[in-house]
Amino acid sequence: MKFLFVFYFCLKVSGNFYFNDEVLFNVVTEGHGRIEEEGINPQNLIPIVTADNEKLKCLMPNVNHKPADTMDTYLGPSPSELVNGIYTDKACLLRIEVYWSYEICHGRYIRQFHEEKDSKQVVEFFLGSYSESSNDKEAVDPSNPPKQEINGKTQTYYPVLYQHGTSCDLTGQPRITTVNYVCAEEGMDIFYSLTEISTCVYEAIVGINELCVHPMYKVKVPAENPIRCFAAPEVKTPEPRSLRTFNAELARKAMLPLQVGRGPLMQRTPESNVIDDIYKLFQKSTDPKIKKLLDKHLSTFEERPKKVPENEDTTAMNDFWTGKACLYGGTGWWKYEFCYGHSVAQFHEEKGKTTKIMLGYFDRNTHKEWADTSPSKARKLNEGEVYQVSMFYSRGDVCKEANTLRSCEVRLTCRQEESQDSEKITMYLIEPETCTYVLVVESQLFCDPIQKAGKDGLFPNPAKLDRPHSGHIEL
């Protein structure tokens, strides 16, 4: 269960959290005198005791849902008319990623392409073209459009189908893409994402301002519901100690640079104690609306995981270097499997069935031939220290598009900066040329072992590798 805390400056310090995208609760602590001043019925107060043995009496809110947007008073264009309106501009949106770039030309086509820097040759695939006859304007219920989570917010979207793209090598069928149009209140079109949801079937999310005029597509602002907690009569500072500590830490962090990425495993914090107390408070509520929210959104309160012991990290890495365990990672449709000294693969699992494409197998002699022709790739140094070694995995599955066997260069990279996340392993795959891959694997855990690598990127006394089995290290 995730709780989102929002910190803001006001006369009272509040901890805010969502149960869903439509209901926001904020905890407000007040002095005991407010109970008598406002004539609050003591029978409506729920007593709680915090982890620091501080006694509070809390008043549960009547859950306030802002009135839902309806079609009763709306007389404007339909969603299909609003989306069709952008087709006349013949505008295109471009999204540039590590290797591939994507182009959506509204009402015309979607293209995936890559331009080679040296030859200026363009490799491209069409992911679908628009046809009015393929899109049923009545398929989407205007009073109940589908929803999707985008950047942490649930938004309604209007789907548009683009069909008859370039034939897919794996399925033999034309590529197809559904573009989910959502409201973009910023006033400009936004190409949020394009993902492969199944083999050669894609989904794009695009934000357009035109949809925002429709009441069912507006971004909803959550309604606030204050949980008022009153301190005991003898307490001068009504705010619980743990909440004071948490808010002070939040204020301190607001001064630090924002870090984006996968956070480290953490011990429990004062914030967790506050959440425990409030969670227990909700459990005691007899309000049927609160109970309904609990049943829907809070099954059990999840403890935060503790930091993995160092000896477990060591064992896992030993298993990796000796071939007993493989690394698994990746997001989206395709995931990646790297078995050191054996193979690299990409795979997808769905309904118990696994689709797997081998990107390459390791052969020591083939690698040495590759290292002789690419000595600058095999081992990279900075001020006398090795910071990256590469291994060549070849003779993967057949690639019909390039009429060759797939191959992959694996780069083991020392992540040199000191941080809480430096020992975590990150892995991502790029495709510099069609069916020729580069798998980058980064961690501080590689910094010491790769110092022993020779000019060819290989270790002088390689450990005897086991054939990979069920052991794996999840990233």
Protein backbone atom coordinates (compact mmCIF):
# COMPACT_ATOMS: atom_id res chain seq x y z
CA MET A 1 0.00 0.00 0.00
CA LYS A 2 1.47 3.32 -1.02
CA PHE A 3 0.77 6.57 0.81
CA LEU A 4 1.55 9.83 -0.91
CA PHE A 5 2.48 12.65 1.47
CA VAL A 6 2.26 16.21 0.20
CA PHE A 7 4.04 18.90 2.22
CA TYR A 8 2.86 22.48 2.08
CA PHE A 9 3.20 25.60 4.23
CA CYS A 10 0.17 26.82 6.20
CA LEU A 11 -0.75 27.68 9.76
CA LYS A 12 -1.23 24.03 10.61
CA VAL A 13 1.13 21.29 9.48
CA SER A 14 -0.67 18.43 7.76
CA GLY A 15 0.25 15.01 6.45
CA ASN A 16 -1.74 14.28 3.30
CA PHE A 17 -2.29 10.95 1.61
CA TYR A 18 -4.48 9.41 -1.08
CA PHE A 19 -6.57 6.24 -0.96
CA ASN A 20 -7.22 6.70 -4.66
CA ASP A 21 -6.98 9.46 -7.27
CA GLU A 22 -10.30 11.00 -6.29
CA VAL A 23 -10.12 11.16 -2.49
CA LEU A 24 -7.41 13.02 -0.57
CA PHE A 25 -7.16 12.80 3.22
CA ASN A 26 -5.13 15.22 5.26
CA VAL A 27 -4.39 14.77 8.96
CA VAL A 28 -4.73 17.99 10.94
CA THR A 29 -3.65 18.14 14.60
CA GLU A 30 -5.27 20.73 16.84
CA GLY A 31 -5.43 21.71 20.50
CA HIS A 32 -7.94 20.06 22.83
CA GLY A 33 -9.83 23.33 23.33
CA ARG A 34 -11.22 23.21 19.80
CA ILE A 35 -13.52 20.32 20.80
CA GLU A 36 -15.48 22.49 23.24
CA GLU A 37 -15.26 25.66 21.12
CA GLU A 38 -16.93 23.96 18.17
CA GLY A 39 -19.31 21.85 20.23
CA ILE A 40 -18.01 18.58 18.80
CA ASN A 41 -19.85 15.54 20.18
CA PRO A 42 -17.26 13.50 22.18
CA GLN A 43 -19.02 10.30 21.09
CA ASN A 44 -17.89 10.97 17.53
CA LEU A 45 -14.20 11.05 18.55
CA ILE A 46 -12.00 7.97 18.18
CA PRO A 47 -9.14 7.69 20.73
CA ILE A 48 -5.74 6.57 19.44
CA VAL A 49 -2.29 6.29 21.02
CA THR A 50 0.79 6.91 18.87
CA ALA A 51 3.97 4.84 18.92
CA ASP A 52 5.43 7.51 21.25
CA ASN A 53 2.53 6.99 23.69
CA GLU A 54 0.92 10.30 22.81
CA LYS A 55 -2.87 10.31 23.21
CA LEU A 56 -5.11 11.83 20.55
CA LYS A 57 -8.82 11.89 19.82
CA CYS A 58 -9.64 11.98 16.12
CA LEU A 59 -12.74 12.97 14.22
CA MET A 60 -13.34 11.02 11.03
CA PRO A 61 -14.53 13.02 8.01
CA ASN A 62 -17.61 12.39 5.97
CA VAL A 63 -15.93 11.29 2.78
CA ASN A 64 -16.29 14.19 0.39
CA HIS A 65 -16.43 13.24 -3.25
CA LYS A 66 -16.52 16.25 -5.52
CA PRO A 67 -19.58 15.99 -7.77
CA ALA A 68 -18.66 13.81 -10.71
CA ASP A 69 -18.51 15.44 -14.10
CA THR A 70 -21.64 14.59 -16.05
CA MET A 71 -22.92 15.03 -19.57
CA ASP A 72 -26.17 16.65 -18.37
CA THR A 73 -25.17 20.23 -19.15
CA TYR A 74 -22.46 19.65 -21.76
CA LEU A 75 -23.49 20.63 -25.30
CA GLY A 76 -20.05 20.73 -26.92
CA PRO A 77 -18.32 18.44 -29.45
CA SER A 78 -18.03 14.70 -28.85
CA PRO A 79 -14.64 13.13 -28.01
CA SER A 80 -14.29 11.80 -31.56
CA GLU A 81 -15.02 15.27 -32.99
CA LEU A 82 -12.44 16.85 -30.68
CA VAL A 83 -9.77 14.33 -31.69
CA ASN A 84 -10.70 14.51 -35.38
CA GLY A 85 -10.22 18.26 -35.18
CA ILE A 86 -6.45 17.86 -34.83
CA TYR A 87 -6.21 15.82 -38.05
CA THR A 88 -6.76 18.87 -40.25
CA ASP A 89 -3.58 20.50 -38.94
CA LYS A 90 -1.54 17.56 -40.28
CA ALA A 91 0.74 17.95 -37.24
CA CYS A 92 3.27 15.33 -36.16
CA LEU A 93 4.78 14.54 -32.76
CA LEU A 94 8.31 13.17 -32.36
CA ARG A 95 9.64 11.07 -29.48
CA ILE A 96 13.40 10.38 -29.42
CA GLU A 97 14.74 7.45 -27.37
CA VAL A 98 18.19 5.85 -27.04
CA TYR A 99 18.19 4.15 -30.43
CA TRP A 100 14.75 4.36 -32.02
CA SER A 101 12.74 7.50 -32.66
CA TYR A 102 8.95 7.51 -33.03
CA GLU A 103 6.76 9.82 -35.10
CA ILE A 104 2.99 10.14 -34.79
CA CYS A 105 1.29 12.14 -37.53
CA HIS A 106 -2.28 12.60 -36.30
CA GLY A 107 -4.84 11.00 -38.59
CA ARG A 108 -2.17 9.68 -40.97
CA TYR A 109 0.50 7.24 -39.72
CA ILE A 110 2.92 6.18 -36.97
CA ARG A 111 6.57 5.54 -37.81
CA GLN A 112 9.53 3.98 -35.94
CA PHE A 113 12.91 4.88 -37.39
CA HIS A 114 16.68 5.17 -36.84
CA GLU A 115 19.19 7.12 -38.90
CA GLU A 116 22.74 5.78 -39.11
CA LYS A 117 25.18 8.59 -38.28
CA ASP A 118 27.85 7.60 -40.77
CA SER A 119 25.90 6.48 -43.82
CA LYS A 120 22.79 8.61 -43.14
CA GLN A 121 20.83 5.50 -44.07
CA VAL A 122 17.38 5.38 -42.42
CA VAL A 123 15.95 2.13 -41.04
CA GLU A 124 12.20 2.52 -40.54
CA PHE A 125 9.03 0.59 -39.80
CA PHE A 126 5.48 1.86 -40.02
CA LEU A 127 3.51 0.90 -36.93
CA GLY A 128 0.12 1.65 -38.46
CA SER A 129 -1.88 4.07 -40.59
CA TYR A 130 -5.18 5.75 -39.83
CA SER A 131 -8.43 4.80 -41.51
CA GLU A 132 -11.73 6.37 -40.53
CA SER A 133 -13.55 3.17 -41.45
CA SER A 134 -11.45 1.20 -38.91
CA ASN A 135 -12.50 3.44 -36.00
CA ASP A 136 -16.03 3.10 -34.65
CA LYS A 137 -17.04 6.47 -33.23
CA GLU A 138 -19.72 4.80 -31.12
CA ALA A 139 -17.34 2.21 -29.61
CA VAL A 140 -16.50 4.43 -26.63
CA ASP A 141 -19.31 5.22 -24.20
CA PRO A 142 -19.08 9.04 -23.79
CA SER A 143 -20.48 8.83 -20.25
CA ASN A 144 -18.05 6.10 -19.17
CA PRO A 145 -14.78 6.29 -21.14
CA PRO A 146 -11.89 3.90 -20.36
CA LYS A 147 -9.23 4.98 -17.83
CA GLN A 148 -5.46 4.58 -17.63
CA GLU A 149 -2.77 5.62 -15.14
CA ILE A 150 -0.44 8.26 -16.58
CA ASN A 151 2.37 9.77 -14.50
CA GLY A 152 0.69 8.60 -11.31
CA LYS A 153 -2.76 9.97 -12.20
CA THR A 154 -5.77 8.06 -13.48
CA GLN A 155 -7.03 9.72 -16.66
CA THR A 156 -9.77 8.92 -19.11
CA TYR A 157 -8.64 8.39 -22.69
CA TYR A 158 -10.05 8.16 -26.21
CA PRO A 159 -8.54 5.27 -28.24
CA VAL A 160 -7.79 5.57 -31.97
CA LEU A 161 -6.66 2.56 -34.01
CA TYR A 162 -3.81 2.68 -36.55
CA GLN A 163 -3.56 -0.51 -38.66
CA HIS A 164 -1.76 -2.07 -41.63
CA GLY A 165 1.80 -1.22 -40.60
CA THR A 166 4.98 -2.92 -41.78
CA SER A 167 4.76 -6.71 -41.69
CA CYS A 168 6.14 -8.21 -38.46
CA ASP A 169 9.01 -10.68 -38.80
CA LEU A 170 7.87 -12.68 -35.74
CA THR A 171 4.13 -12.98 -36.43
CA GLY A 172 3.86 -12.47 -40.19
CA GLN A 173 1.08 -9.93 -39.51
CA PRO A 174 1.05 -6.16 -40.12
CA ARG A 175 2.04 -4.02 -37.15
CA ILE A 176 -0.83 -2.29 -35.33
CA THR A 177 -0.97 0.58 -32.79
CA THR A 178 -3.67 2.03 -30.56
CA VAL A 179 -3.17 5.70 -29.70
CA ASN A 180 -4.81 6.64 -26.39
CA TYR A 181 -5.52 10.38 -26.45
CA VAL A 182 -5.82 12.10 -23.06
CA CYS A 183 -6.30 15.67 -21.86
CA ALA A 184 -3.07 17.70 -21.65
CA GLU A 185 -3.85 20.82 -19.61
CA GLU A 186 -0.43 22.33 -20.29
CA GLY A 187 -1.76 23.69 -23.59
CA MET A 188 0.60 21.73 -25.83
CA ASP A 189 0.60 18.23 -27.28
CA ILE A 190 2.65 15.65 -25.34
CA PHE A 191 3.94 12.32 -26.66
CA TYR A 192 4.03 10.45 -23.34
CA SER A 193 5.06 6.98 -24.44
CA LEU A 194 5.01 4.21 -27.01
CA THR A 195 5.28 0.63 -25.78
CA GLU A 196 5.04 -2.81 -27.34
CA ILE A 197 2.23 -4.48 -25.40
CA SER A 198 2.48 -7.74 -27.35
CA THR A 199 4.59 -8.88 -30.31
CA CYS A 200 4.37 -6.08 -32.91
CA VAL A 201 1.26 -4.65 -31.23
CA TYR A 202 1.85 -1.20 -29.77
CA GLU A 203 0.18 1.34 -27.52
CA ALA A 204 0.91 5.07 -27.59
CA ILE A 205 -0.23 7.66 -25.07
CA VAL A 206 -0.61 11.20 -26.38
CA GLY A 207 -1.88 14.26 -24.55
CA ILE A 208 -3.81 16.95 -26.44
CA ASN A 209 -5.37 20.12 -25.06
CA GLU A 210 -8.48 19.83 -27.24
CA LEU A 211 -9.90 16.97 -25.11
CA CYS A 212 -9.80 19.07 -21.94
CA VAL A 213 -13.03 20.91 -22.83
CA HIS A 214 -14.99 17.66 -22.49
CA PRO A 215 -16.20 17.09 -18.90
CA MET A 216 -15.38 13.36 -18.97
CA TYR A 217 -11.76 13.95 -20.02
CA LYS A 218 -10.78 16.79 -17.70
CA VAL A 219 -8.08 15.99 -15.15
CA LYS A 220 -9.91 15.62 -11.85
CA VAL A 221 -8.70 17.51 -8.77
CA PRO A 222 -9.04 15.32 -5.65
CA ALA A 223 -11.37 16.48 -2.90
CA GLU A 224 -9.75 17.04 0.51
CA ASN A 225 -11.12 15.32 3.60
CA PRO A 226 -9.52 16.46 6.88
CA ILE A 227 -9.02 13.93 9.68
CA ARG A 228 -8.96 16.20 12.74
CA CYS A 229 -6.94 14.88 15.66
CA PHE A 230 -7.07 16.70 19.02
CA ALA A 231 -4.36 16.47 21.66
CA ALA A 232 -4.94 15.74 25.33
CA PRO A 233 -5.78 18.82 27.50
CA GLU A 234 -2.34 18.94 29.17
CA VAL A 235 -0.41 18.86 25.85
CA LYS A 236 0.86 22.25 24.68
CA THR A 237 2.09 21.09 21.26
CA PRO A 238 -0.73 19.10 19.63
CA GLU A 239 1.36 17.68 16.77
CA PRO A 240 2.66 14.15 17.55
CA ARG A 241 6.44 13.84 17.91
CA SER A 242 6.80 11.38 15.02
CA LEU A 243 4.82 13.65 12.68
CA ARG A 244 6.98 16.63 13.72
CA THR A 245 10.12 14.61 12.91
CA PHE A 246 8.70 13.54 9.57
CA ASN A 247 7.67 17.06 8.53
CA ALA A 248 11.05 18.45 9.58
CA GLU A 249 12.77 15.84 7.43
CA LEU A 250 10.44 16.66 4.54
CA ALA A 251 11.31 20.34 4.84
CA ARG A 252 15.03 19.48 4.85
CA LYS A 253 14.68 17.29 1.78
CA ALA A 254 12.84 20.06 -0.04
CA MET A 255 16.19 21.92 -0.05
CA LEU A 256 18.09 19.02 -1.67
CA PRO A 257 18.39 18.22 -5.38
CA LEU A 258 15.66 15.92 -6.67
CA GLN A 259 16.90 12.39 -7.39
CA VAL A 260 15.02 10.30 -9.90
CA GLY A 261 15.44 6.54 -9.93
CA ARG A 262 14.87 3.37 -7.99
CA GLY A 263 15.23 4.15 -4.30
CA PRO A 264 17.22 1.99 -1.88
CA LEU A 265 15.67 -0.48 0.52
CA MET A 266 15.01 1.43 3.71
CA GLN A 267 14.48 0.82 7.42
CA ARG A 268 11.22 2.08 8.94
CA THR A 269 11.04 5.81 9.59
CA PRO A 270 9.00 8.09 11.90
CA GLU A 271 6.65 8.59 8.95
CA SER A 272 5.85 4.87 9.07
CA ASN A 273 4.73 5.13 12.70
CA VAL A 274 2.33 7.94 11.85
CA ILE A 275 0.90 5.91 8.98
CA ASP A 276 0.48 2.87 11.25
CA ASP A 277 -1.49 4.96 13.72
CA ILE A 278 -3.74 6.50 11.07
CA TYR A 279 -4.27 3.12 9.44
CA LYS A 280 -5.41 1.66 12.76
CA LEU A 281 -7.68 4.67 13.17
CA PHE A 282 -9.36 3.90 9.85
CA GLN A 283 -9.82 0.28 10.90
CA LYS A 284 -11.79 1.41 13.97
CA SER A 285 -14.11 3.65 11.97
CA THR A 286 -17.74 2.59 11.73
CA ASP A 287 -18.48 4.96 8.84
CA PRO A 288 -19.65 2.66 5.99
CA LYS A 289 -17.98 4.91 3.41
CA ILE A 290 -14.64 4.61 5.20
CA LYS A 291 -15.14 0.84 5.52
CA LYS A 292 -15.82 0.61 1.80
CA LEU A 293 -12.63 2.50 1.04
CA LEU A 294 -10.70 0.24 3.39
CA ASP A 295 -12.05 -2.92 1.79
CA LYS A 296 -11.25 -1.62 -1.69
CA HIS A 297 -7.85 -0.03 -1.18
CA LEU A 298 -6.27 -1.41 2.01
CA SER A 299 -6.01 -5.17 2.25
CA THR A 300 -3.01 -5.31 4.59
CA PHE A 301 -0.50 -2.65 5.54
CA GLU A 302 2.82 -3.58 4.00
CA GLU A 303 5.96 -3.28 6.09
CA ARG A 304 8.83 -1.57 4.31
CA PRO A 305 11.57 -4.05 3.42
CA LYS A 306 14.81 -3.88 5.36
CA LYS A 307 18.18 -3.50 3.68
CA VAL A 308 19.51 -6.74 2.22
CA PRO A 309 22.40 -8.08 4.35
CA GLU A 310 25.84 -7.78 2.77
CA ASN A 311 26.50 -11.53 2.90
CA GLU A 312 23.40 -12.12 0.76
CA ASP A 313 24.74 -9.65 -1.83
CA THR A 314 28.09 -11.50 -1.84
CA THR A 315 26.48 -14.91 -2.30
CA ALA A 316 24.30 -13.63 -5.13
CA MET A 317 27.27 -12.12 -6.96
CA ASN A 318 29.33 -15.30 -6.52
CA ASP A 319 26.46 -17.23 -8.09
CA PHE A 320 26.42 -14.72 -10.96
CA TRP A 321 30.18 -14.92 -11.67
CA THR A 322 30.19 -18.73 -11.57
CA GLY A 323 27.14 -19.04 -13.83
CA LYS A 324 24.80 -20.43 -11.18
CA ALA A 325 22.43 -17.45 -11.46
CA CYS A 326 21.39 -15.08 -14.24
CA LEU A 327 20.43 -11.41 -14.12
CA TYR A 328 16.89 -10.50 -15.10
CA GLY A 329 15.68 -6.98 -15.82
CA GLY A 330 13.93 -4.69 -18.25
CA THR A 331 10.56 -2.95 -18.40
CA GLY A 332 7.71 -3.07 -20.87
CA TRP A 333 6.84 -5.98 -23.11
CA TRP A 334 10.35 -7.44 -23.42
CA LYS A 335 12.45 -8.46 -20.42
CA TYR A 336 16.16 -9.36 -20.56
CA GLU A 337 18.16 -12.33 -19.29
CA PHE A 338 21.94 -12.19 -18.95
CA CYS A 339 23.78 -15.35 -17.95
CA TYR A 340 27.46 -14.47 -17.54
CA GLY A 341 29.72 -16.53 -19.77
CA HIS A 342 26.78 -18.30 -21.38
CA SER A 343 24.04 -16.29 -23.12
CA VAL A 344 21.91 -13.15 -23.55
CA ALA A 345 18.19 -13.32 -24.34
CA GLN A 346 15.07 -11.20 -24.44
CA PHE A 347 11.76 -12.79 -23.47
CA HIS A 348 8.11 -12.17 -22.73
CA GLU A 349 5.86 -14.21 -20.45
CA GLU A 350 2.09 -14.24 -20.79
CA LYS A 351 -0.51 -16.72 -19.53
CA GLY A 352 2.14 -19.31 -18.75
CA LYS A 353 3.70 -19.11 -22.22
CA THR A 354 7.22 -17.69 -22.76
CA THR A 355 8.38 -16.14 -26.03
CA LYS A 356 12.19 -16.08 -26.03
CA ILE A 357 14.67 -14.69 -28.55
CA MET A 358 18.34 -15.54 -28.11
CA LEU A 359 20.52 -12.49 -28.75
CA GLY A 360 23.80 -14.39 -28.52
CA TYR A 361 25.89 -17.13 -26.91
CA PHE A 362 29.36 -16.72 -25.46
CA ASP A 363 32.29 -18.43 -27.17
CA ARG A 364 35.76 -17.55 -25.87
CA ASN A 365 37.51 -17.86 -29.26
CA THR A 366 34.85 -15.82 -31.09
CA HIS A 367 35.13 -13.15 -28.40
CA LYS A 368 38.93 -12.98 -28.80
CA GLU A 369 38.56 -12.48 -32.56
CA TRP A 370 36.08 -9.67 -31.89
CA ALA A 371 38.40 -8.13 -29.24
CA ASP A 372 41.35 -8.18 -31.69
CA THR A 373 39.34 -6.10 -34.17
CA SER A 374 37.80 -3.87 -31.45
CA PRO A 375 40.51 -3.45 -28.77
CA SER A 376 39.09 -0.11 -27.60
CA LYS A 377 35.77 -1.79 -26.79
CA ALA A 378 37.05 -4.84 -24.92
CA ARG A 379 38.52 -2.90 -22.00
CA LYS A 380 38.24 0.78 -21.09
CA LEU A 381 40.48 2.56 -18.56
CA ASN A 382 40.40 5.89 -16.79
CA GLU A 383 43.60 7.03 -15.03
CA GLY A 384 44.91 3.46 -15.03
CA GLU A 385 41.75 1.87 -13.59
CA VAL A 386 39.38 -0.32 -15.56
CA TYR A 387 35.86 1.10 -15.57
CA GLN A 388 34.30 -1.09 -18.27
CA VAL A 389 34.86 -4.46 -19.93
CA SER A 390 32.89 -5.84 -22.85
CA MET A 391 32.13 -9.40 -23.88
CA PHE A 392 30.86 -10.46 -27.29
CA TYR A 393 27.94 -12.89 -27.48
CA SER A 394 27.31 -14.19 -31.00
CA ARG A 395 25.31 -16.67 -33.10
CA GLY A 396 21.93 -15.80 -31.66
CA ASP A 397 18.59 -16.48 -33.34
CA VAL A 398 18.12 -15.71 -37.04
CA CYS A 399 17.14 -12.12 -37.87
CA LYS A 400 15.18 -12.08 -41.13
CA GLU A 401 15.15 -8.29 -41.35
CA ALA A 402 18.97 -8.12 -41.59
CA ASN A 403 19.45 -11.64 -43.00
CA THR A 404 21.95 -12.49 -40.27
CA LEU A 405 22.29 -14.05 -36.81
CA ARG A 406 21.67 -11.80 -33.83
CA SER A 407 24.67 -10.72 -31.72
CA CYS A 408 25.13 -8.72 -28.53
CA GLU A 409 27.97 -6.81 -26.86
CA VAL A 410 27.64 -6.92 -23.05
CA ARG A 411 29.23 -4.01 -21.20
CA LEU A 412 30.00 -4.59 -17.51
CA THR A 413 30.43 -1.09 -16.13
CA CYS A 414 31.74 0.12 -12.78
CA ARG A 415 29.40 2.70 -11.33
CA GLN A 416 31.95 4.86 -9.55
CA GLU A 417 29.90 7.47 -7.71
CA GLU A 418 29.25 6.87 -4.02
CA SER A 419 25.55 6.66 -3.20
CA GLN A 420 23.04 4.46 -1.42
CA ASP A 421 22.10 2.97 -4.80
CA SER A 422 25.63 2.41 -6.11
CA GLU A 423 25.61 -1.33 -5.37
CA LYS A 424 22.33 -1.88 -7.13
CA ILE A 425 22.57 -3.45 -10.57
CA THR A 426 20.91 -1.65 -13.47
CA MET A 427 20.54 -3.17 -16.91
CA TYR A 428 19.26 -1.78 -20.22
CA LEU A 429 19.39 -2.85 -23.86
CA ILE A 430 19.96 -0.73 -26.97
CA GLU A 431 19.96 -1.71 -30.65
CA PRO A 432 22.57 0.38 -32.55
CA GLU A 433 21.93 -1.58 -35.73
CA THR A 434 19.12 -3.92 -36.72
CA CYS A 435 19.48 -7.14 -34.66
CA THR A 436 22.88 -6.01 -33.30
CA TYR A 437 22.52 -5.24 -29.61
CA VAL A 438 24.38 -3.67 -26.70
CA LEU A 439 23.43 -4.73 -23.17
CA VAL A 440 24.73 -2.33 -20.51
CA VAL A 441 25.01 -3.72 -16.95
CA GLU A 442 26.11 -1.21 -14.28
CA SER A 443 26.96 -1.51 -10.59
CA GLN A 444 29.63 -0.65 -8.05
CA LEU A 445 29.79 -4.42 -7.44
CA PHE A 446 31.72 -4.74 -10.72
CA CYS A 447 34.42 -2.18 -9.84
CA ASP A 448 36.86 -4.59 -8.11
CA PRO A 449 36.37 -7.77 -10.20
CA ILE A 450 36.89 -6.09 -13.60
CA GLN A 451 40.32 -4.75 -12.55
CA LYS A 452 41.63 -8.26 -13.23
CA ALA A 453 40.49 -8.24 -16.86
CA GLY A 454 43.11 -8.38 -19.60
CA LYS A 455 43.26 -6.25 -22.74
CA ASP A 456 40.81 -8.59 -24.39
CA GLY A 457 38.25 -8.03 -21.60
CA LEU A 458 38.65 -11.58 -20.31
CA PHE A 459 39.84 -12.73 -16.90
CA PRO A 460 43.22 -14.59 -16.73
CA ASN A 461 41.95 -17.48 -14.63
CA PRO A 462 38.26 -17.79 -15.39
CA ALA A 463 36.16 -19.63 -12.85
CA LYS A 464 34.57 -22.83 -14.03
CA LEU A 465 31.12 -21.82 -15.16
CA ASP A 466 28.07 -23.86 -14.35
CA ARG A 467 25.26 -24.13 -16.86
CA PRO A 468 22.58 -21.61 -15.79
CA HIS A 469 19.64 -23.12 -13.96
CA SER A 470 16.67 -21.82 -11.99
CA GLY A 471 18.72 -19.43 -9.86
CA HIS A 472 18.27 -15.80 -10.78
CA ILE A 473 18.92 -12.30 -9.51
CA GLU A 474 15.91 -10.00 -10.00
CA LEU A 475 16.88 -6.35 -10.64
